[in-house]
């Protein structure tokens, strides 16, 4: 199934609200495109692919490591860091 990708994130005048809405759209995209059940590595790659330059720049400045006992970074960790960044 081919599904159109989502728009890139743009913070605009209300970054917290923009993040909240984009994150919901991203969750829907993962489900609709069949990525929701894929590996964490795939889901994080999809995030980096569709998020846009603004989030990529911020992502690269974050020092997110896999949780203790984990071997790979989880998408949830990345989204949690952005939740903190946008404080909503």
C-alpha atoms as a PDB file:
ATOM      1  CA  UNK A   1       0.000   0.000   0.000  1.00  0.00           C
ATOM      2  CA  UNK A   2       1.312   3.430  -0.911  1.00  0.00           C
ATOM      3  CA  UNK A   3       0.488   6.199   1.495  1.00  0.00           C
ATOM      4  CA  UNK A   4       1.523   9.811   1.207  1.00  0.00           C
ATOM      5  CA  UNK A   5       4.073  10.932   3.768  1.00  0.00           C
ATOM      6  CA  UNK A   6       3.168  13.560   6.339  1.00  0.00           C
ATOM      7  CA  UNK A   7       4.214  17.195   6.180  1.00  0.00           C
ATOM      8  CA  UNK A   8       7.494  18.159   7.817  1.00  0.00           C
ATOM      9  CA  UNK A   9       7.350  19.715  11.257  1.00  0.00           C
ATOM     10  CA  UNK A  10       7.214  23.521  11.406  1.00  0.00           C
ATOM     11  CA  UNK A  11       7.091  25.160  14.831  1.00  0.00           C
ATOM     12  CA  UNK A  12       5.375  28.339  13.664  1.00  0.00           C
ATOM     13  CA  UNK A  13       3.998  30.747  16.252  1.00  0.00           C
ATOM     14  CA  UNK A  14       3.011  28.083  18.780  1.00  0.00           C
ATOM     15  CA  UNK A  15       5.731  25.406  18.879  1.00  0.00           C
ATOM     16  CA  UNK A  16       4.119  23.351  21.664  1.00  0.00           C
ATOM     17  CA  UNK A  17       0.824  23.071  19.805  1.00  0.00           C
ATOM     18  CA  UNK A  18       2.590  22.431  16.490  1.00  0.00           C
ATOM     19  CA  UNK A  19       4.580  19.592  18.087  1.00  0.00           C
ATOM     20  CA  UNK A  20       1.472  18.074  19.683  1.00  0.00           C
ATOM     21  CA  UNK A  21      -0.382  18.019  16.354  1.00  0.00           C
ATOM     22  CA  UNK A  22       2.609  16.819  14.322  1.00  0.00           C
ATOM     23  CA  UNK A  23       3.248  14.024  16.812  1.00  0.00           C
ATOM     24  CA  UNK A  24      -0.371  12.854  16.451  1.00  0.00           C
ATOM     25  CA  UNK A  25      -0.045  12.946  12.659  1.00  0.00           C
ATOM     26  CA  UNK A  26       3.211  10.993  12.888  1.00  0.00           C
ATOM     27  CA  UNK A  27       1.594   8.289  15.057  1.00  0.00           C
ATOM     28  CA  UNK A  28      -1.226   7.982  12.517  1.00  0.00           C
ATOM     29  CA  UNK A  29       1.286   7.816   9.666  1.00  0.00           C
ATOM     30  CA  UNK A  30       3.228   5.010  11.387  1.00  0.00           C
ATOM     31  CA  UNK A  31       0.044   2.979  11.767  1.00  0.00           C
ATOM     32  CA  UNK A  32      -1.372   3.676   8.311  1.00  0.00           C
ATOM     33  CA  UNK A  33       1.921   2.994   6.539  1.00  0.00           C
ATOM     34  CA  UNK A  34       2.528  -0.222   8.482  1.00  0.00           C
ATOM     35  CA  UNK A  35       5.577   0.983  10.393  1.00  0.00           C
ATOM     36  CA  UNK A  36       3.998   0.825  13.867  1.00  0.00           C
ATOM     37  CA  UNK A  37       4.825  -2.871  14.201  1.00  0.00           C
ATOM     38  CA  UNK A  38       8.324  -2.595  12.771  1.00  0.00           C
ATOM     39  CA  UNK A  39      11.566  -2.583  14.775  1.00  0.00           C
ATOM     40  CA  UNK A  40      12.555   0.419  16.854  1.00  0.00           C
ATOM     41  CA  UNK A  41      15.454   0.976  14.469  1.00  0.00           C
ATOM     42  CA  UNK A  42      13.017   1.265  11.563  1.00  0.00           C
ATOM     43  CA  UNK A  43      10.600   3.535  13.448  1.00  0.00           C
ATOM     44  CA  UNK A  44      13.384   5.906  14.508  1.00  0.00           C
ATOM     45  CA  UNK A  45      14.690   5.978  10.927  1.00  0.00           C
ATOM     46  CA  UNK A  46      11.206   6.842   9.655  1.00  0.00           C
ATOM     47  CA  UNK A  47      11.003   9.625  12.250  1.00  0.00           C
ATOM     48  CA  UNK A  48      14.309  11.111  11.087  1.00  0.00           C
ATOM     49  CA  UNK A  49      13.234  10.771   7.458  1.00  0.00           C
ATOM     50  CA  UNK A  50       9.895  12.579   7.737  1.00  0.00           C
ATOM     51  CA  UNK A  51      10.472  15.058  10.588  1.00  0.00           C
ATOM     52  CA  UNK A  52      12.058  17.854   8.564  1.00  0.00           C
ATOM     53  CA  UNK A  53      15.109  20.032   9.052  1.00  0.00           C
ATOM     54  CA  UNK A  54      13.888  21.820  12.173  1.00  0.00           C
ATOM     55  CA  UNK A  55      13.479  18.620  14.198  1.00  0.00           C
ATOM     56  CA  UNK A  56      16.560  16.995  12.652  1.00  0.00           C
ATOM     57  CA  UNK A  57      18.709  19.892  13.826  1.00  0.00           C
ATOM     58  CA  UNK A  58      17.312  19.600  17.337  1.00  0.00           C
ATOM     59  CA  UNK A  59      17.588  15.795  17.283  1.00  0.00           C
ATOM     60  CA  UNK A  60      21.277  15.983  16.430  1.00  0.00           C
ATOM     61  CA  UNK A  61      21.875  18.233  19.439  1.00  0.00           C
ATOM     62  CA  UNK A  62      20.269  15.756  21.849  1.00  0.00           C
ATOM     63  CA  UNK A  63      22.369  13.135  23.588  1.00  0.00           C
ATOM     64  CA  UNK A  64      19.857  10.302  23.779  1.00  0.00           C
ATOM     65  CA  UNK A  65      21.201   6.866  24.637  1.00  0.00           C
ATOM     66  CA  UNK A  66      19.364   3.544  24.852  1.00  0.00           C
ATOM     67  CA  UNK A  67      17.961   2.844  28.299  1.00  0.00           C
ATOM     68  CA  UNK A  68      19.989   0.654  30.657  1.00  0.00           C
ATOM     69  CA  UNK A  69      19.851  -2.942  29.494  1.00  0.00           C
ATOM     70  CA  UNK A  70      18.602  -1.960  26.021  1.00  0.00           C
ATOM     71  CA  UNK A  71      20.670  -2.245  22.867  1.00  0.00           C
ATOM     72  CA  UNK A  72      18.825   0.262  20.710  1.00  0.00           C
ATOM     73  CA  UNK A  73      17.186   3.628  21.070  1.00  0.00           C
ATOM     74  CA  UNK A  74      13.397   3.516  21.156  1.00  0.00           C
ATOM     75  CA  UNK A  75      11.158   5.918  19.298  1.00  0.00           C
ATOM     76  CA  UNK A  76       9.322   6.621  22.558  1.00  0.00           C
ATOM     77  CA  UNK A  77      12.547   8.003  24.064  1.00  0.00           C
ATOM     78  CA  UNK A  78      12.983  10.403  21.160  1.00  0.00           C
ATOM     79  CA  UNK A  79       9.380  11.572  21.347  1.00  0.00           C
ATOM     80  CA  UNK A  80       9.695  12.011  25.130  1.00  0.00           C
ATOM     81  CA  UNK A  81      12.754  14.234  24.646  1.00  0.00           C
ATOM     82  CA  UNK A  82      10.862  16.405  22.197  1.00  0.00           C
ATOM     83  CA  UNK A  83       7.901  16.533  24.592  1.00  0.00           C
ATOM     84  CA  UNK A  84      10.297  17.970  27.198  1.00  0.00           C
ATOM     85  CA  UNK A  85      11.784  20.359  24.663  1.00  0.00           C
ATOM     86  CA  UNK A  86       8.421  21.723  23.583  1.00  0.00           C
ATOM     87  CA  UNK A  87       7.023  21.542  27.158  1.00  0.00           C
ATOM     88  CA  UNK A  88       3.442  20.603  26.622  1.00  0.00           C
END
